[in-house]
Amino acid sequence: MSTNTTTTSNTGDNKVKKNTFTVIDNRTGKSYEIPINNETLKAIDFRAIKESPEDFGTMLYDPGYYNTAVCKSEITYIDGDRGILEYRGYPIEELAEKSSFLEVAYLLIYGDLPNINQLNLWTTKIMNHTFIHENLIQLMKSFRYDAHPMGMLISSMSAMSTFYPEANPALAGVDIYKNKLLMNKQIFRILGKLPTIAACAYRHRIGRPYNNPTDTLSYTENFLYMLDRLSETSYKPHPTLTRALDKLFIIHADHELNCSTATMRQISSTLVDPYTAVAGSAGALYGPLHGGANEAVLRMLESIGTKDNIPNFLQLVKQKKQRLMGFGHRVYKSYDPRAKILKKVTEEVFELLGKNPLMEIATELERIALSDSYFIDRQLYPNVDFYSGIIYKSMGFPTDMFPVLFSIPRAAGWLAHWVEELQDPDLRIFRPRQIYLGKRGCKYVPLSGRPMPQDTNAVLSSYVSGFDKRRDVSEIDGVNSPVNTQQNLSASVGSPKLTDETKAIPKTASGSKSAINQSIEQSFGEKFSLNN
């Protein structure tokens, strides 16, 4: 099958350019003319291309959606080749320098920058919804002392859907979000309560009582207040840290259809409530290839150790024996504009708190890499993750809080896409197709007639604990355990890998102490230890 990107027809001496593709199916010789709109083709138009009338039709295969547009949007514009990022037409550099996070959140959701009256009302509405229900606090306190804060945030956000049944289309009707007043109410709640949930998760992790929010501080000031206040009656975070976090929130607020935002749209296409959709989006963000990437940068810089080791490290990268984290981006083929902003923010934070030794390695790594044709030719430039982790670490945040700090501002982008999607007349439930490569026409075999391979348990093998091994050889209710056979035991007991108890049983207090120690030390300083 071959395609021509343009089709022209001659009328006398004039050439009339058509905004179509002409596709020739070389199997049949048939020609198809497919319209082009906004530099895109409708995938459904290719269904008409068939070798025979009985065929399903041609589908487009695009794993990971590398070149597939699933919506029309007016929220965020990216030109990856030129390093341009705009929210609703405004350059990210200007917004980060001149706006507050709540101002940018309003812009993303409602389409325009607010005037002074709108911003004051918007801020009041958000800050009036920062308190969370006492039952939700009890739920959060029921988590293990060393529960990952991101797991707590996702679970708590999902649980919030049960507090507001009037906001659930499954309970109150599929058309409830045609009511903009109800839609706004959920926006206020989610943006207001997310920092409180995040702060409670952090305090839970370090064994301190949760702080109530205050409406006398700004959005980011209030978040830092809930994180760090002890017994003071007038605690106020330093303005440099507040402004640094505000800038971090602004640049993380939206980024077109990244994985978590696409998840928000996909889940929301079912008309589920926004709390469930945000929880699912946060789950996507939790993945190490998405919201956990800045932590990988820190680990890389720590493994390099000193500036003297950078040339050897980069040589190993070229040999594909090491990965260069924080460089390159699926969209940007030049310097990520967010990374430029963060580089300046790091200087402001370092001036107040002192320079993080990893920063020297990072700047030298950037300098050497950007002067090396190997990385330049492959368009590997620093991205937002390269500096954000260093800033968060320098501000005293443990690494397990990084995806939480990502989720708070990104919720503004998720909600902007939620609003836009529900107002889209072309809204359809997401239902991708697949290319089926499996078996067909199998004949059913009764249980007694199915083959018995020698290694019966190969498919169902898993890690086992000492508890499991004792039970597997014991008699239960007068009969042997289902796995108590020589054949089955040989499959599970014989391998040291399968009897790895660290992967088979829940962590005990002693088993997880070193991990919680490390997290707390990162919060309070490397010299602090539970053993002291």
Protein backbone atom coordinates (compact mmCIF):
# COMPACT_ATOMS: atom_id res chain seq x y z
CA MET A 1 0.00 0.00 0.00
CA SER A 2 1.46 3.40 -0.89
CA THR A 3 0.34 6.92 -0.05
CA ASN A 4 0.74 10.34 -1.59
CA THR A 5 0.71 13.28 0.81
CA THR A 6 -0.97 15.64 -1.65
CA THR A 7 -3.30 15.26 -4.57
CA THR A 8 -3.46 17.82 -7.38
CA SER A 9 -5.68 18.06 -10.42
CA ASN A 10 -5.04 20.14 -13.52
CA THR A 11 -7.64 22.48 -14.96
CA GLY A 12 -6.02 24.15 -17.94
CA ASP A 13 -2.94 25.92 -16.66
CA ASN A 14 -4.19 26.06 -13.07
CA LYS A 15 -3.33 23.48 -10.44
CA VAL A 16 -5.99 23.00 -7.78
CA LYS A 17 -4.57 21.64 -4.54
CA LYS A 18 -6.83 19.26 -2.65
CA ASN A 19 -6.60 18.84 1.10
CA THR A 20 -6.66 15.04 0.84
CA PHE A 21 -4.50 11.94 0.78
CA THR A 22 -4.78 9.49 -2.06
CA VAL A 23 -4.16 5.97 -0.86
CA ILE A 24 -3.61 3.16 -3.35
CA ASP A 25 -4.16 -0.37 -2.12
CA ASN A 26 -1.58 -2.37 -4.07
CA ARG A 27 -3.41 -5.60 -3.22
CA THR A 28 -6.49 -4.58 -5.17
CA GLY A 29 -5.38 -1.59 -7.22
CA LYS A 30 -8.18 0.50 -5.71
CA SER A 31 -7.64 4.18 -4.92
CA TYR A 32 -9.08 5.93 -1.86
CA GLU A 33 -9.24 9.67 -1.21
CA ILE A 34 -9.05 10.56 2.50
CA PRO A 35 -9.65 14.12 3.78
CA ILE A 36 -7.01 15.98 5.81
CA ASN A 37 -8.19 18.21 8.66
CA ASN A 38 -5.78 20.03 10.99
CA GLU A 39 -2.92 17.94 9.57
CA THR A 40 -4.64 14.74 10.66
CA LEU A 41 -6.55 11.88 9.10
CA LYS A 42 -9.50 10.11 10.67
CA ALA A 43 -8.45 6.56 11.43
CA ILE A 44 -12.00 5.34 10.76
CA ASP A 45 -11.65 6.43 7.11
CA PHE A 46 -9.12 3.62 6.64
CA ARG A 47 -11.74 1.02 7.51
CA ALA A 48 -13.06 1.34 3.97
CA ILE A 49 -9.80 -0.14 2.65
CA LYS A 50 -10.43 -3.87 2.31
CA GLU A 51 -9.05 -6.68 0.22
CA SER A 52 -12.49 -8.29 0.09
CA PRO A 53 -15.95 -7.06 1.17
CA GLU A 54 -16.03 -9.58 4.05
CA ASP A 55 -12.87 -8.15 5.64
CA PHE A 56 -13.11 -6.00 8.77
CA GLY A 57 -11.11 -3.21 7.14
CA THR A 58 -7.73 -1.60 7.67
CA MET A 59 -6.72 -0.45 11.17
CA LEU A 60 -3.78 1.73 12.19
CA TYR A 61 -1.23 0.14 14.56
CA ASP A 62 0.35 2.64 16.94
CA PRO A 63 1.59 1.10 20.23
CA GLY A 64 2.00 3.75 22.88
CA TYR A 65 0.08 6.31 20.76
CA TYR A 66 3.29 7.70 19.28
CA ASN A 67 1.46 9.42 16.44
CA THR A 68 -2.23 9.22 17.32
CA ALA A 69 -4.43 12.18 18.26
CA VAL A 70 -7.41 11.14 20.37
CA CYS A 71 -8.93 14.56 21.02
CA LYS A 72 -9.07 18.20 19.96
CA SER A 73 -7.87 20.55 22.67
CA GLU A 74 -7.29 24.24 23.34
CA ILE A 75 -5.42 23.82 26.62
CA THR A 76 -1.69 23.24 26.03
CA TYR A 77 0.46 23.78 22.95
CA ILE A 78 3.85 22.11 22.52
CA ASP A 79 6.36 22.55 19.71
CA GLY A 80 8.95 19.96 20.62
CA ASP A 81 11.34 20.86 17.82
CA ARG A 82 11.64 24.47 18.97
CA GLY A 83 11.23 23.90 22.70
CA ILE A 84 7.96 25.81 23.06
CA LEU A 85 5.35 25.18 25.77
CA GLU A 86 2.26 27.35 26.10
CA TYR A 87 -0.80 27.21 28.36
CA ARG A 88 -3.80 28.61 26.50
CA GLY A 89 -1.37 30.53 24.28
CA TYR A 90 0.76 32.00 27.08
CA PRO A 91 4.48 31.05 27.16
CA ILE A 92 5.37 28.91 30.16
CA GLU A 93 8.39 31.12 30.89
CA GLU A 94 6.19 34.20 31.35
CA LEU A 95 3.61 32.37 33.47
CA ALA A 96 6.27 30.91 35.76
CA GLU A 97 7.88 34.30 36.26
CA LYS A 98 4.77 36.46 36.70
CA SER A 99 1.84 34.27 37.83
CA SER A 100 0.86 32.22 40.85
CA PHE A 101 -0.13 28.57 40.62
CA LEU A 102 -3.81 29.24 41.33
CA GLU A 103 -3.82 31.90 38.63
CA VAL A 104 -2.43 29.40 36.14
CA ALA A 105 -4.87 26.71 37.31
CA TYR A 106 -7.74 29.11 36.58
CA LEU A 107 -6.25 29.79 33.15
CA LEU A 108 -6.01 26.09 32.32
CA ILE A 109 -9.53 25.22 33.45
CA TYR A 110 -11.49 28.28 32.35
CA GLY A 111 -9.49 29.44 29.34
CA ASP A 112 -8.42 32.97 30.34
CA LEU A 113 -6.29 34.64 32.97
CA PRO A 114 -8.53 35.86 35.80
CA ASN A 115 -9.04 39.50 36.67
CA ILE A 116 -8.48 40.61 40.26
CA ASN A 117 -12.07 39.91 41.36
CA GLN A 118 -12.12 36.49 39.70
CA LEU A 119 -8.76 35.54 41.21
CA ASN A 120 -9.83 36.59 44.71
CA LEU A 121 -13.08 34.62 44.47
CA TRP A 122 -11.30 31.61 42.92
CA THR A 123 -8.67 31.62 45.68
CA THR A 124 -11.33 31.90 48.37
CA LYS A 125 -13.33 29.02 46.91
CA ILE A 126 -10.27 26.76 46.75
CA MET A 127 -9.00 27.62 50.22
CA ASN A 128 -12.48 27.13 51.72
CA HIS A 129 -12.35 23.51 50.55
CA THR A 130 -8.99 22.54 52.04
CA PHE A 131 -10.44 20.72 55.05
CA ILE A 132 -11.04 17.00 54.63
CA HIS A 133 -13.70 14.89 56.31
CA GLU A 134 -12.82 13.36 59.67
CA ASN A 135 -13.71 9.92 58.30
CA LEU A 136 -11.11 10.40 55.57
CA ILE A 137 -8.54 11.33 58.22
CA GLN A 138 -9.40 8.12 60.07
CA LEU A 139 -8.94 6.17 56.84
CA MET A 140 -5.50 7.70 56.29
CA LYS A 141 -4.48 6.96 59.88
CA SER A 142 -5.33 3.30 59.31
CA PHE A 143 -2.46 2.91 56.80
CA ARG A 144 0.78 1.25 57.90
CA TYR A 145 3.29 3.63 59.42
CA ASP A 146 5.60 3.19 56.43
CA ALA A 147 2.92 3.34 53.72
CA HIS A 148 4.10 5.07 50.55
CA PRO A 149 2.54 8.57 50.45
CA MET A 150 1.53 8.12 46.82
CA GLY A 151 -0.42 4.99 47.67
CA MET A 152 -2.14 6.94 50.45
CA LEU A 153 -2.97 9.83 48.11
CA ILE A 154 -4.44 7.56 45.41
CA SER A 155 -6.51 5.60 47.91
CA SER A 156 -7.75 8.72 49.69
CA MET A 157 -8.74 10.43 46.46
CA SER A 158 -10.64 7.36 45.35
CA ALA A 159 -12.37 7.17 48.74
CA MET A 160 -13.52 10.78 48.38
CA SER A 161 -15.96 9.66 45.70
CA THR A 162 -17.95 7.91 48.44
CA PHE A 163 -18.33 11.17 50.39
CA TYR A 164 -20.10 12.97 47.54
CA PRO A 165 -22.73 10.69 45.94
CA GLU A 166 -24.38 13.73 44.34
CA ALA A 167 -21.20 14.10 42.25
CA ASN A 168 -21.30 10.54 40.91
CA PRO A 169 -23.06 10.18 37.52
CA ALA A 170 -23.51 6.47 38.23
CA LEU A 171 -25.73 7.43 41.19
CA ALA A 172 -27.13 10.85 40.32
CA GLY A 173 -27.54 10.59 36.53
CA VAL A 174 -25.30 10.72 33.48
CA ASP A 175 -26.14 14.34 32.65
CA ILE A 176 -25.30 15.91 36.01
CA TYR A 177 -22.20 17.67 34.69
CA LYS A 178 -24.23 19.71 32.27
CA ASN A 179 -24.74 21.67 35.49
CA LYS A 180 -21.66 23.92 35.66
CA LEU A 181 -22.31 24.77 39.30
CA LEU A 182 -21.92 21.11 40.24
CA MET A 183 -18.83 20.80 38.05
CA ASN A 184 -17.20 23.81 39.71
CA LYS A 185 -17.93 22.39 43.16
CA GLN A 186 -15.86 19.28 42.40
CA ILE A 187 -13.03 21.41 41.00
CA PHE A 188 -12.90 23.45 44.23
CA ARG A 189 -12.94 20.30 46.33
CA ILE A 190 -10.22 18.43 44.45
CA LEU A 191 -7.80 21.35 44.15
CA GLY A 192 -8.46 22.36 47.74
CA LYS A 193 -8.18 18.95 49.38
CA LEU A 194 -5.28 17.43 47.44
CA PRO A 195 -2.56 19.41 49.28
CA THR A 196 -4.18 18.48 52.60
CA ILE A 197 -4.21 14.78 51.70
CA ALA A 198 -0.59 15.03 50.53
CA ALA A 199 0.49 16.77 53.72
CA CYS A 200 -1.31 14.19 55.88
CA ALA A 201 0.42 11.39 53.96
CA TYR A 202 3.78 13.04 54.63
CA ARG A 203 3.07 13.56 58.33
CA HIS A 204 1.86 9.97 58.59
CA ARG A 205 5.16 8.80 57.12
CA ILE A 206 7.21 10.61 59.75
CA GLY A 207 4.92 9.77 62.69
CA ARG A 208 3.66 13.26 63.44
CA PRO A 209 0.08 14.46 63.99
CA TYR A 210 -1.73 15.88 60.96
CA ASN A 211 -2.02 19.66 60.69
CA ASN A 212 -5.24 21.41 59.80
CA PRO A 213 -5.06 23.81 56.86
CA THR A 214 -5.28 27.57 57.27
CA ASP A 215 -6.89 30.10 54.95
CA THR A 216 -4.58 32.93 56.02
CA LEU A 217 -1.78 31.73 53.75
CA SER A 218 -1.46 31.25 49.99
CA TYR A 219 -2.00 27.88 48.32
CA THR A 220 1.64 26.77 48.40
CA GLU A 221 2.31 28.47 51.76
CA ASN A 222 -0.56 26.52 53.27
CA PHE A 223 0.83 23.25 51.89
CA LEU A 224 4.28 23.89 53.38
CA TYR A 225 2.61 24.98 56.63
CA MET A 226 0.72 21.68 56.89
CA LEU A 227 3.95 19.78 56.20
CA ASP A 228 6.21 21.52 58.69
CA ARG A 229 4.29 23.28 61.47
CA LEU A 230 4.96 21.86 64.92
CA SER A 231 3.25 23.70 67.79
CA GLU A 232 3.76 27.26 66.60
CA THR A 233 0.71 29.51 66.36
CA SER A 234 2.14 31.71 63.61
CA TYR A 235 4.39 29.48 61.51
CA LYS A 236 4.99 30.83 58.01
CA PRO A 237 7.20 29.16 55.35
CA HIS A 238 10.04 31.15 53.85
CA PRO A 239 8.90 33.16 50.78
CA THR A 240 11.77 31.88 48.64
CA LEU A 241 10.68 28.28 49.21
CA THR A 242 7.04 29.19 48.67
CA ARG A 243 7.82 30.89 45.37
CA ALA A 244 10.09 28.03 44.26
CA LEU A 245 7.33 25.51 44.93
CA ASP A 246 4.82 27.74 43.15
CA LYS A 247 7.02 27.74 40.04
CA LEU A 248 7.42 23.98 40.24
CA PHE A 249 3.64 23.64 40.47
CA ILE A 250 3.16 25.93 37.45
CA ILE A 251 5.49 24.06 35.13
CA HIS A 252 4.02 20.70 36.20
CA ALA A 253 0.38 21.78 35.89
CA ASP A 254 -0.18 20.39 32.40
CA HIS A 255 1.74 18.92 29.51
CA GLU A 256 -0.75 18.02 26.80
CA LEU A 257 -1.69 14.33 26.58
CA ASN A 258 0.99 12.74 28.72
CA CYS A 259 0.22 9.29 30.11
CA SER A 260 -1.66 10.42 33.22
CA THR A 261 -3.67 13.08 31.37
CA ALA A 262 -4.59 10.59 28.67
CA THR A 263 -5.65 8.29 31.51
CA MET A 264 -7.84 11.10 32.89
CA ARG A 265 -9.55 11.46 29.53
CA GLN A 266 -9.93 7.73 29.04
CA ILE A 267 -11.45 7.13 32.46
CA SER A 268 -13.63 10.23 32.22
CA SER A 269 -15.00 9.09 28.86
CA THR A 270 -17.03 6.54 30.84
CA LEU A 271 -18.69 9.49 32.70
CA VAL A 272 -17.33 8.30 36.04
CA ASP A 273 -17.01 10.81 38.89
CA PRO A 274 -13.91 13.06 38.85
CA TYR A 275 -12.52 11.67 42.12
CA THR A 276 -12.22 8.18 40.67
CA ALA A 277 -10.77 9.62 37.46
CA VAL A 278 -8.17 11.69 39.32
CA ALA A 279 -7.23 8.66 41.45
CA GLY A 280 -6.70 6.62 38.27
CA SER A 281 -4.63 9.39 36.72
CA ALA A 282 -2.50 9.60 39.86
CA GLY A 283 -2.02 5.84 39.59
CA ALA A 284 -0.60 6.34 36.10
CA LEU A 285 1.63 9.12 37.41
CA TYR A 286 2.96 6.80 40.12
CA GLY A 287 4.83 4.72 37.51
CA PRO A 288 8.62 5.08 37.34
CA LEU A 289 8.47 5.98 33.64
CA HIS A 290 6.23 8.96 34.41
CA GLY A 291 6.15 10.70 37.79
CA GLY A 292 9.07 8.75 39.20
CA ALA A 293 11.61 9.82 36.59
CA ASN A 294 13.18 12.58 38.69
CA GLU A 295 13.99 10.06 41.40
CA ALA A 296 15.89 8.04 38.79
CA VAL A 297 17.94 11.15 37.98
CA LEU A 298 18.96 11.48 41.63
CA ARG A 299 20.02 7.87 41.78
CA MET A 300 22.07 8.31 38.62
CA LEU A 301 23.85 11.41 39.94
CA GLU A 302 24.55 9.67 43.25
CA SER A 303 25.96 6.65 41.43
CA ILE A 304 28.31 8.90 39.40
CA GLY A 305 29.65 10.24 42.69
CA THR A 306 32.08 12.93 41.50
CA LYS A 307 32.63 15.12 38.46
CA ASP A 308 35.76 13.13 37.63
CA ASN A 309 33.62 10.05 36.95
CA ILE A 310 31.40 11.77 34.37
CA PRO A 311 33.50 11.03 31.23
CA ASN A 312 33.64 7.32 32.07
CA PHE A 313 29.91 7.29 32.83
CA LEU A 314 29.05 8.90 29.50
CA GLN A 315 31.27 6.39 27.74
CA LEU A 316 29.25 3.59 29.34
CA VAL A 317 26.08 5.34 28.17
CA LYS A 318 27.37 5.31 24.60
CA GLN A 319 28.11 1.60 24.99
CA LYS A 320 24.52 1.15 26.26
CA LYS A 321 25.80 -0.17 29.57
CA GLN A 322 24.30 2.77 31.49
CA ARG A 323 21.19 4.92 31.00
CA LEU A 324 21.37 8.72 30.90
CA MET A 325 18.36 9.75 32.98
CA GLY A 326 16.81 13.22 32.70
CA PHE A 327 17.96 13.70 29.11
CA GLY A 328 15.73 13.44 26.06
CA HIS A 329 11.98 13.58 25.81
CA ARG A 330 9.35 11.91 23.69
CA VAL A 331 8.03 15.32 22.60
CA TYR A 332 10.98 17.74 22.90
CA LYS A 333 13.78 17.48 20.37
CA SER A 334 15.52 20.52 21.81
CA TYR A 335 16.03 21.93 25.32
CA ASP A 336 12.94 21.40 27.48
CA PRO A 337 11.74 24.95 28.34
CA ARG A 338 10.71 23.77 31.80
CA ALA A 339 14.27 22.66 32.52
CA LYS A 340 15.53 26.18 31.80
CA ILE A 341 13.11 27.59 34.37
CA LEU A 342 14.10 25.01 36.96
CA LYS A 343 17.79 25.72 36.50
CA LYS A 344 17.15 29.26 37.71
CA VAL A 345 14.94 28.03 40.56
CA THR A 346 17.75 25.80 41.82
CA GLU A 347 20.01 28.83 42.18
CA GLU A 348 17.37 30.63 44.27
CA VAL A 349 16.90 27.61 46.54
CA PHE A 350 20.67 27.04 46.89
CA GLU A 351 21.22 30.67 47.85
CA LEU A 352 18.88 30.14 50.80
CA LEU A 353 19.57 26.54 51.84
CA GLY A 354 23.05 25.90 50.51
CA LYS A 355 24.15 24.13 47.38
CA ASN A 356 23.39 20.47 46.96
CA PRO A 357 26.62 18.62 46.02
CA LEU A 358 24.70 16.75 43.32
CA MET A 359 24.18 20.05 41.49
CA GLU A 360 27.86 20.29 40.62
CA ILE A 361 27.71 16.83 39.06
CA ALA A 362 24.48 17.73 37.24
CA THR A 363 25.79 20.97 35.69
CA GLU A 364 29.05 19.35 34.64
CA LEU A 365 27.18 16.37 33.19
CA GLU A 366 24.98 18.74 31.22
CA ARG A 367 27.99 20.74 29.98
CA ILE A 368 29.90 17.70 28.77
CA ALA A 369 26.87 15.99 27.23
CA LEU A 370 25.78 19.10 25.32
CA SER A 371 29.26 19.48 23.84
CA ASP A 372 29.33 15.86 22.66
CA SER A 373 28.07 15.18 19.13
CA TYR A 374 26.79 11.76 20.23
CA PHE A 375 24.11 13.34 22.41
CA ILE A 376 23.52 16.38 20.20
CA ASP A 377 22.90 14.24 17.12
CA ARG A 378 20.39 12.17 19.09
CA GLN A 379 18.67 15.32 20.37
CA LEU A 380 19.27 14.39 24.00
CA TYR A 381 18.80 17.59 25.99
CA PRO A 382 17.96 17.99 29.70
CA ASN A 383 14.26 17.63 30.48
CA VAL A 384 12.17 18.77 33.46
CA ASP A 385 13.13 15.73 35.53
CA PHE A 386 16.84 16.55 35.40
CA TYR A 387 16.60 19.46 37.86
CA SER A 388 13.27 18.97 39.66
CA GLY A 389 14.53 16.08 41.79
CA ILE A 390 17.57 18.08 42.91
CA ILE A 391 15.33 20.99 43.92
CA TYR A 392 12.92 18.77 45.86
CA LYS A 393 15.80 17.03 47.62
CA SER A 394 17.44 20.35 48.45
CA MET A 395 14.13 21.57 49.91
CA GLY A 396 14.11 18.58 52.24
CA PHE A 397 11.56 16.33 50.57
CA PRO A 398 12.18 12.56 50.68
CA THR A 399 12.16 10.89 47.28
CA ASP A 400 8.93 9.02 47.93
CA MET A 401 7.16 12.41 48.04
CA PHE A 402 8.27 13.35 44.53
CA PRO A 403 5.28 11.85 42.67
CA VAL A 404 2.95 13.37 45.28
CA LEU A 405 4.45 16.80 44.60
CA PHE A 406 3.87 16.11 40.91
CA SER A 407 0.23 15.09 41.44
CA ILE A 408 -0.91 18.24 43.27
CA PRO A 409 -0.34 20.68 40.38
CA ARG A 410 -1.06 18.15 37.64
CA ALA A 411 -4.59 17.83 39.05
CA ALA A 412 -5.28 21.29 37.60
CA GLY A 413 -4.38 19.99 34.14
CA TRP A 414 -6.39 16.80 34.66
CA LEU A 415 -9.44 18.83 35.63
CA ALA A 416 -8.99 21.18 32.66
CA HIS A 417 -9.07 18.16 30.33
CA TRP A 418 -12.04 16.72 32.25
CA VAL A 419 -14.04 19.91 31.68
CA GLU A 420 -13.03 20.16 28.04
CA GLU A 421 -13.82 16.52 27.33
CA LEU A 422 -17.29 16.60 28.89
CA GLN A 423 -18.10 19.66 26.76
CA ASP A 424 -16.86 18.03 23.55
CA PRO A 425 -19.74 17.13 21.21
CA ASP A 426 -17.54 14.36 19.77
CA LEU A 427 -17.13 12.68 23.18
CA ARG A 428 -17.04 8.90 22.83
CA ILE A 429 -16.05 6.26 25.34
CA PHE A 430 -12.44 5.24 24.66
CA ARG A 431 -12.39 1.85 22.99
CA PRO A 432 -9.12 1.08 21.16
CA ARG A 433 -8.92 -1.93 18.87
CA GLN A 434 -6.35 -4.72 18.94
CA ILE A 435 -4.52 -6.91 16.47
CA TYR A 436 -5.45 -10.42 17.52
CA LEU A 437 -2.61 -12.92 17.07
CA GLY A 438 -3.89 -15.75 19.26
CA LYS A 439 -5.39 -19.16 18.56
CA ARG A 440 -8.68 -19.70 16.77
CA GLY A 441 -11.14 -22.59 16.57
CA CYS A 442 -9.77 -24.64 19.48
CA LYS A 443 -11.70 -27.81 20.38
CA TYR A 444 -12.71 -28.01 24.05
CA VAL A 445 -10.99 -30.84 25.98
CA PRO A 446 -12.63 -32.13 29.21
CA LEU A 447 -10.58 -31.77 32.40
CA SER A 448 -9.77 -35.48 32.61
CA GLY A 449 -8.38 -35.53 29.10
CA ARG A 450 -5.98 -32.58 29.36
CA PRO A 451 -2.21 -33.31 29.28
CA MET A 452 -0.16 -33.37 32.49
CA PRO A 453 3.23 -31.74 31.85
CA GLN A 454 6.12 -32.80 34.09
CA ASP A 455 6.53 -29.32 35.55
CA THR A 456 2.92 -28.84 36.60
CA ASN A 457 3.48 -25.75 38.72
CA ALA A 458 5.66 -23.80 36.29
CA VAL A 459 2.89 -21.39 35.33
CA LEU A 460 1.72 -20.77 38.90
CA SER A 461 5.10 -20.64 40.65
CA SER A 462 5.62 -17.71 43.00
CA TYR A 463 7.74 -16.67 45.95
CA VAL A 464 6.89 -18.56 49.13
CA SER A 465 7.53 -17.95 52.83
CA GLY A 466 8.43 -20.34 55.61
CA PHE A 467 4.79 -20.20 56.63
CA ASP A 468 3.78 -21.49 53.19
CA LYS A 469 6.38 -24.28 53.25
CA ARG A 470 5.18 -25.57 56.61
CA ARG A 471 1.59 -25.61 55.47
CA ASP A 472 2.44 -27.23 52.14
CA VAL A 473 3.74 -30.35 53.88
CA SER A 474 1.00 -30.49 56.51
CA GLU A 475 -2.41 -32.10 56.69
CA ILE A 476 -5.35 -29.70 56.50
CA ASP A 477 -8.85 -30.80 57.59
CA GLY A 478 -7.84 -34.45 57.40
CA VAL A 479 -6.42 -34.31 53.89
CA ASN A 480 -3.08 -33.44 52.37
CA SER A 481 -2.53 -29.88 51.25
CA PRO A 482 -3.33 -29.46 47.51
CA VAL A 483 0.34 -28.71 46.89
CA ASN A 484 1.59 -31.53 49.13
CA THR A 485 2.85 -33.82 46.41
CA GLN A 486 6.43 -34.68 45.49
CA GLN A 487 5.91 -33.24 42.04
CA ASN A 488 4.51 -29.92 43.26
CA LEU A 489 6.94 -29.50 46.15
CA SER A 490 9.92 -29.99 43.87
CA ALA A 491 8.72 -27.09 41.78
CA SER A 492 8.41 -24.70 44.72
CA VAL A 493 10.96 -25.77 47.33
CA GLY A 494 14.00 -26.57 45.25
CA SER A 495 14.77 -23.07 44.00
CA PRO A 496 16.35 -20.48 46.31
CA LYS A 497 14.76 -17.80 44.16
CA LEU A 498 11.26 -19.09 44.89
CA THR A 499 11.89 -19.21 48.65
CA ASP A 500 12.96 -15.55 48.84
CA GLU A 501 10.97 -14.46 51.88
CA THR A 502 11.65 -10.78 51.32
CA LYS A 503 9.28 -10.95 48.36
CA ALA A 504 6.82 -13.41 49.88
CA ILE A 505 5.61 -11.87 53.13
CA PRO A 506 4.58 -8.37 54.32
CA LYS A 507 7.36 -6.26 55.70
CA THR A 508 7.87 -6.52 59.46
CA ALA A 509 8.83 -3.61 61.64
CA SER A 510 12.45 -4.76 61.76
CA GLY A 511 12.51 -5.65 58.07
CA SER A 512 11.32 -2.24 56.95
CA LYS A 513 13.15 -0.17 59.56
CA SER A 514 16.11 0.61 57.35
CA ALA A 515 13.85 1.82 54.55
CA ILE A 516 11.80 4.08 56.81
CA ASN A 517 15.03 5.28 58.40
CA GLN A 518 16.36 6.33 55.05
CA SER A 519 13.19 8.20 54.15
CA ILE A 520 13.11 10.04 57.49
CA GLU A 521 16.82 10.86 57.27
CA GLN A 522 16.19 12.46 53.90
CA SER A 523 13.50 14.60 55.53
CA PHE A 524 15.46 15.72 58.59
CA GLY A 525 19.10 15.41 57.59
CA GLU A 526 21.46 12.53 56.99
CA LYS A 527 22.75 12.46 60.61
CA PHE A 528 19.34 11.65 62.09
CA SER A 529 18.70 7.98 62.83
CA LEU A 530 16.09 5.98 64.67
CA ASN A 531 18.95 4.01 66.21
CA ASN A 532 20.52 7.07 67.89
